[in-house]
Protein backbone atom coordinates (compact mmCIF):
# COMPACT_ATOMS: atom_id res chain seq x y z
CA MET A 1 46.12 -4.28 1.86
CA ALA A 2 47.20 -5.26 5.37
CA GLU A 3 45.09 -2.45 6.88
CA THR A 4 42.02 -3.74 5.04
CA LYS A 5 42.26 -7.01 6.94
CA THR A 6 42.61 -5.31 10.34
CA ASN A 7 40.04 -2.49 10.43
CA GLU A 8 37.67 -2.87 7.46
CA PHE A 9 34.89 -5.40 7.28
CA LEU A 10 33.54 -6.45 3.88
CA GLY A 11 30.06 -7.48 2.81
CA THR A 12 28.50 -8.12 -0.58
CA GLY A 13 24.81 -7.47 -1.10
CA ARG A 14 22.70 -8.40 -4.10
CA ARG A 15 19.16 -7.69 -5.29
CA LYS A 16 17.83 -8.25 -8.82
CA THR A 17 20.80 -7.20 -10.99
CA ALA A 18 22.29 -4.75 -8.48
CA VAL A 19 25.49 -5.67 -6.63
CA ALA A 20 26.78 -3.67 -3.67
CA ARG A 21 30.29 -4.07 -2.23
CA VAL A 22 30.32 -2.66 1.30
CA ARG A 23 33.33 -1.69 3.43
CA LEU A 24 32.62 -1.06 7.11
CA ALA A 25 35.08 0.63 9.46
CA SER A 26 34.90 2.09 12.96
CA GLY A 27 33.96 5.75 12.77
CA ASN A 28 31.24 8.30 13.42
CA GLY A 29 28.41 7.32 11.06
CA LYS A 30 29.49 8.67 7.66
CA ILE A 31 28.02 6.78 4.68
CA THR A 32 29.43 7.17 1.17
CA VAL A 33 27.93 5.54 -1.93
CA ASN A 34 30.01 5.50 -5.15
CA GLY A 35 32.05 8.42 -3.83
CA ARG A 36 28.94 10.54 -3.22
CA ALA A 37 27.15 11.47 0.00
CA PHE A 38 24.45 9.00 1.09
CA ASP A 39 21.67 11.65 0.99
CA ASN A 40 22.86 12.79 -2.42
CA TYR A 41 22.90 9.28 -3.95
CA PHE A 42 19.59 7.96 -2.62
CA VAL A 43 17.23 10.87 -3.24
CA LEU A 44 14.04 9.36 -1.81
CA GLU A 45 13.62 9.04 1.96
CA THR A 46 12.21 5.51 1.56
CA GLN A 47 15.38 4.38 -0.25
CA ARG A 48 17.59 5.94 2.44
CA ALA A 49 15.58 4.28 5.23
CA GLN A 50 15.68 0.95 3.37
CA ALA A 51 19.45 1.06 2.79
CA ALA A 52 20.30 2.15 6.36
CA GLN A 53 17.88 -0.30 8.05
CA PRO A 54 20.58 -2.71 9.36
CA LEU A 55 22.37 0.20 11.09
CA ALA A 56 19.12 1.40 12.66
CA VAL A 57 18.08 -2.09 13.83
CA THR A 58 21.44 -2.82 15.48
CA GLY A 59 21.99 0.73 16.80
CA THR A 60 25.43 1.01 15.13
CA ALA A 61 24.62 4.05 12.95
CA GLU A 62 26.90 6.38 14.96
CA LYS A 63 29.68 3.82 15.52
CA VAL A 64 30.71 2.87 11.98
CA ASP A 65 31.65 4.52 8.68
CA VAL A 66 30.31 2.83 5.56
CA ARG A 67 31.81 2.98 2.06
CA VAL A 68 29.73 1.40 -0.69
CA ASN A 69 30.35 0.63 -4.36
CA VAL A 70 27.09 -0.30 -6.05
CA ALA A 71 26.47 -1.14 -9.71
CA GLY A 72 23.61 -2.44 -11.86
CA GLY A 73 19.87 -2.29 -11.46
CA GLY A 74 17.76 0.72 -10.55
CA PRO A 75 17.62 2.90 -7.45
CA ASN A 76 15.32 0.60 -5.44
CA GLY A 77 17.26 -2.55 -6.29
CA GLN A 78 20.49 -0.76 -5.39
CA ALA A 79 19.04 0.38 -2.05
CA ASP A 80 18.11 -3.24 -1.26
CA ALA A 81 21.55 -4.46 -2.35
CA VAL A 82 23.21 -1.88 -0.07
CA ARG A 83 20.97 -3.03 2.80
CA HIS A 84 21.99 -6.67 2.27
CA GLY A 85 25.67 -5.73 2.01
CA ILE A 86 25.64 -3.61 5.18
CA ALA A 87 23.91 -6.43 7.09
CA ARG A 88 26.59 -8.92 5.97
CA ALA A 89 29.42 -6.50 6.82
CA LEU A 90 27.91 -5.89 10.28
CA LEU A 91 27.99 -9.64 10.83
CA GLN A 92 31.76 -9.57 10.13
CA PHE A 93 32.08 -6.54 12.42
CA ASP A 94 30.23 -8.14 15.36
CA ALA A 95 28.88 -11.70 15.23
CA ASN A 96 26.62 -10.99 18.26
CA LEU A 97 24.36 -8.87 16.00
CA ARG A 98 23.21 -11.98 14.10
CA PRO A 99 19.93 -12.60 16.04
CA GLN A 100 18.81 -8.96 15.54
CA LEU A 101 19.62 -8.97 11.83
CA LYS A 102 18.06 -12.40 11.27
CA ALA A 103 14.86 -11.43 13.12
CA GLU A 104 14.39 -8.50 10.71
CA GLY A 105 15.15 -10.74 7.71
CA LEU A 106 18.15 -8.66 6.65
CA LEU A 107 20.49 -11.58 6.02
CA THR A 108 18.23 -13.27 3.47
CA ARG A 109 19.07 -12.69 -0.19
CA ASP A 110 15.89 -11.70 -2.04
CA SER A 111 16.09 -14.15 -4.94
CA ARG A 112 13.25 -12.70 -7.00
CA MET A 113 14.48 -11.80 -10.48
CA LYS A 114 12.83 -10.48 -13.63
CA GLU A 115 11.29 -13.32 -15.62
CA ARG A 116 12.67 -13.75 -19.13
CA LYS A 117 10.68 -12.86 -22.22
CA LYS A 118 9.60 -15.92 -24.20
CA TYR A 119 9.45 -16.20 -27.99
CA GLY A 120 6.02 -15.94 -29.57
CA GLN A 121 4.89 -13.45 -26.89
CA PRO A 122 5.43 -9.74 -26.36
CA GLY A 123 6.55 -10.19 -22.74
CA ALA A 124 7.26 -12.81 -20.10
CA ARG A 125 3.60 -13.79 -19.60
CA LYS A 126 1.54 -11.58 -21.88
CA ARG A 127 0.35 -13.15 -25.14
CA PHE A 128 -0.26 -11.53 -28.51
CA GLN A 129 -3.93 -10.84 -29.18
CA TYR A 130 -5.80 -13.87 -30.47
CA SER A 131 -7.69 -13.34 -33.68
CA LYS A 132 -10.51 -15.77 -34.39
CA ARG A 133 -11.14 -14.47 -37.93
């Protein structure tokens, strides 16, 4: 684990119920998610753009290799979690990137969660149909 401390930078990203653990190392721009290729894991272009946004904003896409373990949630939540994790790992990698990342709002954890279902109702807010007679 000594090498982890010297050349890998860690970042944890969260969104809804998805959690992404990101490892950033100097390299040539290879991104791996759960052992699969980035393009293979995130099928939609919007998800790929969303997840790789911190690299694009800071211009470090060709300078670092990214390894991600992501679990929980759906594809969009996972893409957002990866984005948050990469932004945090980049901060460990180079603290001078903070103003750029902060300006784009990439360091802020999106705290919106699914609202719980309440008893006496079919959903979180929806009510059962009222019958007058």
